[in-house]
Amino acid sequence: MKLEGTTVAMVTPFTREDTVDEEGMRENMNYLLERGVNGLLAAGTTGESATITHQEQKKMIDILVDEMKGKVAAVAGAGSNSSSEALDLVKYAENAGADYALVITPYYNKPQPHGLYEHYKMLNESTDIPIIVYNVPSRTGTDIDVETIGKVAQLDNIVALKEANPDMDKVSQIIHKLDQVGVDDFLVLSGNDNLTLPMISQGCKGVISVVGNVDPARMSEMVKKALEGDFIGAKDLHYELYDLMKVLFVESNPVPAKTALNMMGRPSGHVRMPLAPLKTENQEKLKKVLLDLQLI
């Protein structure tokens, strides 16, 4: 399945009993599909991967694959700070029939650049599923550097990078490095909604989006226009969505996104501790943005 365009990093809806809301998850997936998204990611950071169990994570991968049935790209969150745990999750995603596995750079232990390379090399040699590298140094404490990205991109099954470092100069360096090493089919995807438009102008091919949970139609249309070269139309949508892009990160993701979905009457539920409910003053800010966009 094609990975370009808008892939939504889905929230994980929970029931009042704090279990994964399977019915709500399926409802959300179909809601997003109907509004033009190109892919769905389950059990990523926005899906509270840090506080769901591996058993829950695997169940969510199964639900994703079953509900998609080849309609759009099914991306399974499958990373860990332990290489052996990451391998177990990537193998599970492969056997379940996911189209891609999203593998975050190992967090907390801060591996060296050559350690990061060996991590992805091992996954590449041990599985056949296409793998997306996820770089988000604000959460992991490690920033995969341009040279290492160039090396990792040459591995057969490493097909894309979700880049959430907000350094736009680094994006230019990555695209240039990929050209230098002759990797034509490796995709760079935005990991920051508010930087997606300028990143596409530099050669990126889409976004793995949080905003897409809340306004999938406009986010998908913005990315589509940009990829087609209609940067004027894309710019208009970017600024239409800009306040939403900012307010969804006024507190730790996915707290604002889940609050927004609850306000919209979509399946969402609570966030798991140690995350806490959105502060009252931020709820008011969020509500105003949703009203301005006519989402509630």
Protein backbone atom coordinates (compact mmCIF):
# COMPACT_ATOMS: atom_id res chain seq x y z
CA MET A 1 0.00 0.00 0.00
CA LYS A 2 1.20 3.49 -0.90
CA LEU A 3 2.50 5.50 2.05
CA GLU A 4 2.44 9.00 0.56
CA GLY A 5 -0.14 11.56 1.74
CA THR A 6 -1.82 11.75 5.14
CA THR A 7 -1.49 8.90 7.60
CA VAL A 8 -3.33 9.50 10.86
CA ALA A 9 -1.57 8.59 14.10
CA MET A 10 -4.75 7.43 15.80
CA VAL A 11 -5.65 7.91 19.44
CA THR A 12 -6.47 4.79 21.40
CA PRO A 13 -10.05 5.01 22.68
CA PHE A 14 -10.54 3.53 26.14
CA THR A 15 -13.70 2.33 27.84
CA ARG A 16 -14.69 3.50 31.31
CA GLU A 17 -13.21 0.22 32.55
CA ASP A 18 -9.84 1.29 31.04
CA THR A 19 -9.78 -1.36 28.32
CA VAL A 20 -9.17 -0.73 24.62
CA ASP A 21 -12.50 0.27 23.07
CA GLU A 22 -12.48 -2.03 20.03
CA GLU A 23 -15.86 -0.85 18.74
CA GLY A 24 -14.80 2.78 19.12
CA MET A 25 -11.48 2.11 17.41
CA ARG A 26 -13.23 0.57 14.41
CA GLU A 27 -15.70 3.45 14.31
CA ASN A 28 -12.86 5.98 14.30
CA MET A 29 -11.03 4.14 11.53
CA ASN A 30 -14.04 4.22 9.24
CA TYR A 31 -14.72 7.87 10.08
CA LEU A 32 -11.17 8.70 8.98
CA LEU A 33 -11.39 6.58 5.84
CA GLU A 34 -14.56 8.33 4.76
CA ARG A 35 -12.74 11.66 4.98
CA GLY A 36 -9.93 10.81 2.60
CA VAL A 37 -6.91 9.77 4.65
CA ASN A 38 -4.24 7.63 2.99
CA GLY A 39 -3.13 5.54 5.95
CA LEU A 40 -3.81 4.72 9.59
CA LEU A 41 -1.30 4.15 12.39
CA ALA A 42 -2.29 2.21 15.49
CA ALA A 43 -0.33 2.09 18.75
CA GLY A 44 1.97 5.02 18.06
CA THR A 45 2.83 7.83 20.46
CA THR A 46 -0.60 9.41 19.94
CA GLY A 47 -2.05 5.98 20.67
CA GLU A 48 -0.38 6.07 24.11
CA SER A 49 2.18 3.42 23.28
CA ALA A 50 4.02 4.21 26.51
CA THR A 51 1.13 3.02 28.69
CA ILE A 52 -0.58 0.30 26.66
CA THR A 53 0.63 -3.25 27.27
CA HIS A 54 2.24 -5.31 24.54
CA GLN A 55 -0.84 -7.54 24.63
CA GLU A 56 -3.06 -4.51 24.00
CA GLN A 57 -0.68 -3.28 21.31
CA LYS A 58 -0.88 -6.59 19.45
CA LYS A 59 -4.66 -6.63 19.77
CA MET A 60 -4.80 -3.15 18.24
CA ILE A 61 -2.60 -4.25 15.34
CA ASP A 62 -5.00 -7.13 14.71
CA ILE A 63 -8.00 -4.78 14.77
CA LEU A 64 -6.28 -2.37 12.38
CA VAL A 65 -5.42 -5.06 9.84
CA ASP A 66 -8.85 -6.66 10.07
CA GLU A 67 -10.72 -3.37 9.59
CA MET A 68 -8.51 -2.02 6.80
CA LYS A 69 -8.47 -5.11 4.56
CA GLY A 70 -6.24 -3.30 2.08
CA LYS A 71 -8.30 -0.10 1.90
CA VAL A 72 -5.40 2.17 2.93
CA ALA A 73 -1.94 1.63 4.38
CA ALA A 74 -2.10 -0.13 7.77
CA VAL A 75 0.85 1.02 9.89
CA ALA A 76 1.62 -0.78 13.15
CA GLY A 77 3.41 0.99 15.98
CA ALA A 78 6.14 -1.50 16.84
CA GLY A 79 9.09 0.21 18.51
CA SER A 80 10.82 -0.17 21.86
CA ASN A 81 13.96 0.93 23.67
CA SER A 82 14.85 -2.78 23.74
CA SER A 83 15.94 -4.19 20.39
CA SER A 84 14.62 -7.65 21.25
CA GLU A 85 11.21 -6.23 22.21
CA ALA A 86 11.13 -4.18 19.01
CA LEU A 87 11.90 -7.30 16.99
CA ASP A 88 9.05 -9.19 18.68
CA LEU A 89 6.59 -6.39 17.87
CA VAL A 90 7.81 -5.97 14.28
CA LYS A 91 7.52 -9.71 13.68
CA TYR A 92 4.01 -9.63 15.15
CA ALA A 93 3.04 -6.78 12.83
CA GLU A 94 4.45 -8.68 9.86
CA ASN A 95 2.61 -11.91 10.72
CA ALA A 96 -0.61 -10.00 11.38
CA GLY A 97 -0.52 -8.59 7.85
CA ALA A 98 0.27 -4.91 8.53
CA ASP A 99 1.64 -2.99 5.56
CA TYR A 100 4.32 -1.15 7.55
CA ALA A 101 5.89 -1.15 11.00
CA LEU A 102 6.71 2.21 12.58
CA VAL A 103 9.81 1.80 14.75
CA ILE A 104 10.77 4.67 17.03
CA THR A 105 14.44 5.29 17.75
CA PRO A 106 15.19 3.56 21.06
CA TYR A 107 14.46 5.92 23.93
CA TYR A 108 16.00 6.61 27.33
CA ASN A 109 19.16 4.51 26.84
CA LYS A 110 20.44 7.03 24.21
CA PRO A 111 22.20 4.67 21.77
CA GLN A 112 25.17 5.94 19.78
CA PRO A 113 24.77 6.51 16.02
CA HIS A 114 26.36 3.14 15.22
CA GLY A 115 24.07 1.53 17.80
CA LEU A 116 21.05 3.02 16.06
CA TYR A 117 22.29 1.68 12.74
CA GLU A 118 22.78 -1.82 14.16
CA HIS A 119 19.29 -1.70 15.70
CA TYR A 120 17.63 -1.05 12.35
CA LYS A 121 20.03 -3.36 10.50
CA MET A 122 19.03 -6.22 12.81
CA LEU A 123 15.31 -5.53 12.23
CA ASN A 124 15.91 -5.29 8.49
CA GLU A 125 17.69 -8.65 8.39
CA SER A 126 15.22 -10.42 10.68
CA THR A 127 11.92 -9.43 9.03
CA ASP A 128 10.47 -8.63 5.61
CA ILE A 129 7.86 -6.00 6.53
CA PRO A 130 8.65 -2.45 5.32
CA ILE A 131 9.88 -0.38 8.26
CA ILE A 132 9.43 3.35 8.93
CA VAL A 133 12.07 4.92 11.19
CA TYR A 134 10.50 7.36 13.66
CA ASN A 135 12.76 10.15 14.90
CA VAL A 136 11.30 12.29 17.70
CA PRO A 137 14.20 13.56 19.83
CA SER A 138 11.96 15.67 22.09
CA ARG A 139 10.55 12.41 23.48
CA THR A 140 13.40 9.91 23.07
CA GLY A 141 16.46 11.98 24.00
CA THR A 142 18.19 10.77 20.83
CA ASP A 143 18.31 12.45 17.42
CA ILE A 144 19.23 10.14 14.55
CA ASP A 145 21.78 12.13 12.56
CA VAL A 146 21.86 12.72 8.82
CA GLU A 147 24.78 10.37 8.15
CA THR A 148 23.07 7.51 9.98
CA ILE A 149 19.81 8.16 8.13
CA GLY A 150 21.73 7.92 4.86
CA LYS A 151 23.12 4.53 5.90
CA VAL A 152 19.83 3.19 7.26
CA ALA A 153 17.98 4.26 4.10
CA GLN A 154 20.15 1.89 2.08
CA LEU A 155 18.84 -1.15 3.98
CA ASP A 156 16.35 -3.10 1.86
CA ASN A 157 13.32 -3.03 4.16
CA ILE A 158 13.82 0.42 5.69
CA VAL A 159 11.55 2.45 3.42
CA ALA A 160 10.73 5.73 5.15
CA LEU A 161 11.52 8.20 7.92
CA LYS A 162 9.00 10.00 10.08
CA GLU A 163 11.01 13.10 10.98
CA ALA A 164 9.77 15.01 14.03
CA ASN A 165 12.88 17.07 14.65
CA PRO A 166 11.62 20.63 13.99
CA ASP A 167 14.96 21.70 12.47
CA MET A 168 14.01 22.54 8.88
CA ASP A 169 17.66 22.78 7.84
CA LYS A 170 18.09 19.15 8.86
CA VAL A 171 15.24 18.22 6.50
CA SER A 172 17.17 19.78 3.61
CA GLN A 173 20.28 17.89 4.68
CA ILE A 174 18.37 14.59 4.79
CA ILE A 175 16.88 15.04 1.31
CA HIS A 176 20.33 16.00 -0.03
CA LYS A 177 21.96 12.99 1.65
CA LEU A 178 19.40 10.62 0.13
CA ASP A 179 20.22 12.05 -3.30
CA GLN A 180 23.94 11.59 -2.63
CA VAL A 181 23.58 7.92 -1.66
CA GLY A 182 21.27 7.24 -4.58
CA VAL A 183 18.17 6.18 -2.64
CA ASP A 184 15.29 7.25 -4.87
CA ASP A 185 12.37 5.40 -3.28
CA PHE A 186 12.99 6.24 0.40
CA LEU A 187 10.26 8.53 1.74
CA VAL A 188 10.62 11.32 4.28
CA LEU A 189 7.38 12.11 6.11
CA SER A 190 6.60 14.99 8.43
CA GLY A 191 6.13 14.20 12.10
CA ASN A 192 4.97 17.74 12.91
CA ASP A 193 1.61 18.86 11.52
CA ASN A 194 2.53 22.55 11.52
CA LEU A 195 5.72 21.90 9.50
CA THR A 196 4.16 19.58 6.93
CA LEU A 197 3.65 22.20 4.23
CA PRO A 198 7.24 23.55 4.24
CA MET A 199 8.61 20.00 4.52
CA ILE A 200 6.70 18.95 1.40
CA SER A 201 8.18 21.94 -0.41
CA GLN A 202 11.61 20.50 0.45
CA GLY A 203 10.79 17.06 -0.94
CA CYS A 204 8.88 15.22 1.79
CA LYS A 205 5.96 13.06 0.70
CA GLY A 206 3.36 13.47 3.41
CA VAL A 207 2.69 13.41 7.13
CA ILE A 208 1.92 11.06 9.99
CA SER A 209 -0.59 13.37 11.60
CA VAL A 210 -2.17 14.08 14.97
CA VAL A 211 -4.43 16.83 13.57
CA GLY A 212 -5.91 14.24 11.21
CA ASN A 213 -7.72 12.66 14.16
CA VAL A 214 -9.75 15.85 14.61
CA ASP A 215 -10.01 17.32 11.09
CA PRO A 216 -9.03 14.55 8.67
CA ALA A 217 -10.76 16.07 5.63
CA ARG A 218 -8.95 19.42 5.69
CA MET A 219 -5.61 17.91 6.69
CA SER A 220 -5.78 15.35 3.89
CA GLU A 221 -6.79 18.01 1.37
CA MET A 222 -3.92 20.29 2.42
CA VAL A 223 -1.37 17.53 1.93
CA LYS A 224 -2.95 16.44 -1.35
CA LYS A 225 -2.80 19.96 -2.77
CA ALA A 226 0.81 20.41 -1.68
CA LEU A 227 1.88 17.10 -3.23
CA GLU A 228 0.14 18.11 -6.47
CA GLY A 229 2.05 21.41 -6.48
CA ASP A 230 -0.90 23.63 -5.55
CA PHE A 231 0.96 25.47 -2.82
CA ILE A 232 -1.42 28.43 -2.83
CA GLY A 233 -4.40 26.20 -2.06
CA ALA A 234 -2.32 24.22 0.45
CA LYS A 235 -1.19 27.44 2.14
CA ASP A 236 -4.79 28.56 2.61
CA LEU A 237 -5.66 25.27 4.30
CA HIS A 238 -2.48 25.38 6.38
CA TYR A 239 -3.51 28.71 7.89
CA GLU A 240 -7.11 27.56 8.28
CA LEU A 241 -5.82 24.67 10.38
CA TYR A 242 -2.97 26.53 12.06
CA ASP A 243 -4.72 27.31 15.36
CA LEU A 244 -5.80 23.67 15.61
CA MET A 245 -2.25 22.52 14.89
CA LYS A 246 -1.02 24.63 17.79
CA VAL A 247 -3.76 24.00 20.35
CA LEU A 248 -3.50 20.22 19.97
CA PHE A 249 -0.04 20.53 21.50
CA VAL A 250 -0.86 23.05 24.24
CA GLU A 251 -0.31 20.13 26.65
CA SER A 252 1.27 16.73 26.13
CA ASN A 253 -0.02 14.77 23.14
CA PRO A 254 -2.54 13.09 23.04
CA VAL A 255 -4.30 14.92 25.89
CA PRO A 256 -5.69 17.78 23.74
CA ALA A 257 -6.52 15.47 20.81
CA LYS A 258 -8.53 13.08 22.97
CA THR A 259 -10.27 16.01 24.64
CA ALA A 260 -11.20 17.38 21.22
CA LEU A 261 -12.64 14.05 20.12
CA ASN A 262 -14.68 13.83 23.31
CA MET A 263 -16.03 17.34 22.62
CA MET A 264 -16.94 16.20 19.10
CA GLY A 265 -18.72 13.09 20.36
CA ARG A 266 -16.14 10.75 18.82
CA PRO A 267 -14.84 7.62 20.58
CA SER A 268 -11.90 8.61 22.74
CA GLY A 269 -12.28 8.31 26.50
CA HIS A 270 -9.63 9.24 29.02
CA VAL A 271 -5.85 9.36 28.88
CA ARG A 272 -3.92 6.90 31.01
CA MET A 273 -1.87 8.08 33.96
CA PRO A 274 0.59 9.67 34.39
CA LEU A 275 -1.08 11.86 31.76
CA ALA A 276 -3.91 13.89 33.25
CA PRO A 277 -7.01 15.67 31.90
CA LEU A 278 -6.56 18.92 29.98
CA LYS A 279 -6.50 22.03 32.20
CA THR A 280 -9.74 24.02 32.25
CA GLU A 281 -8.22 27.11 30.65
CA ASN A 282 -6.86 25.00 27.81
CA GLN A 283 -10.19 23.28 27.36
CA GLU A 284 -11.67 26.70 26.66
CA LYS A 285 -8.95 27.49 24.11
CA LEU A 286 -9.52 24.15 22.42
CA LYS A 287 -13.29 24.57 22.36
CA LYS A 288 -12.99 27.99 20.68
CA VAL A 289 -10.78 26.57 17.92
CA LEU A 290 -13.19 23.67 17.32
CA LEU A 291 -16.11 26.10 17.16
CA ASP A 292 -14.25 28.36 14.71
CA LEU A 293 -13.65 25.35 12.46
CA GLN A 294 -17.28 24.26 12.87
CA LEU A 295 -16.16 20.89 14.21
CA ILE A 296 -18.55 21.14 17.17
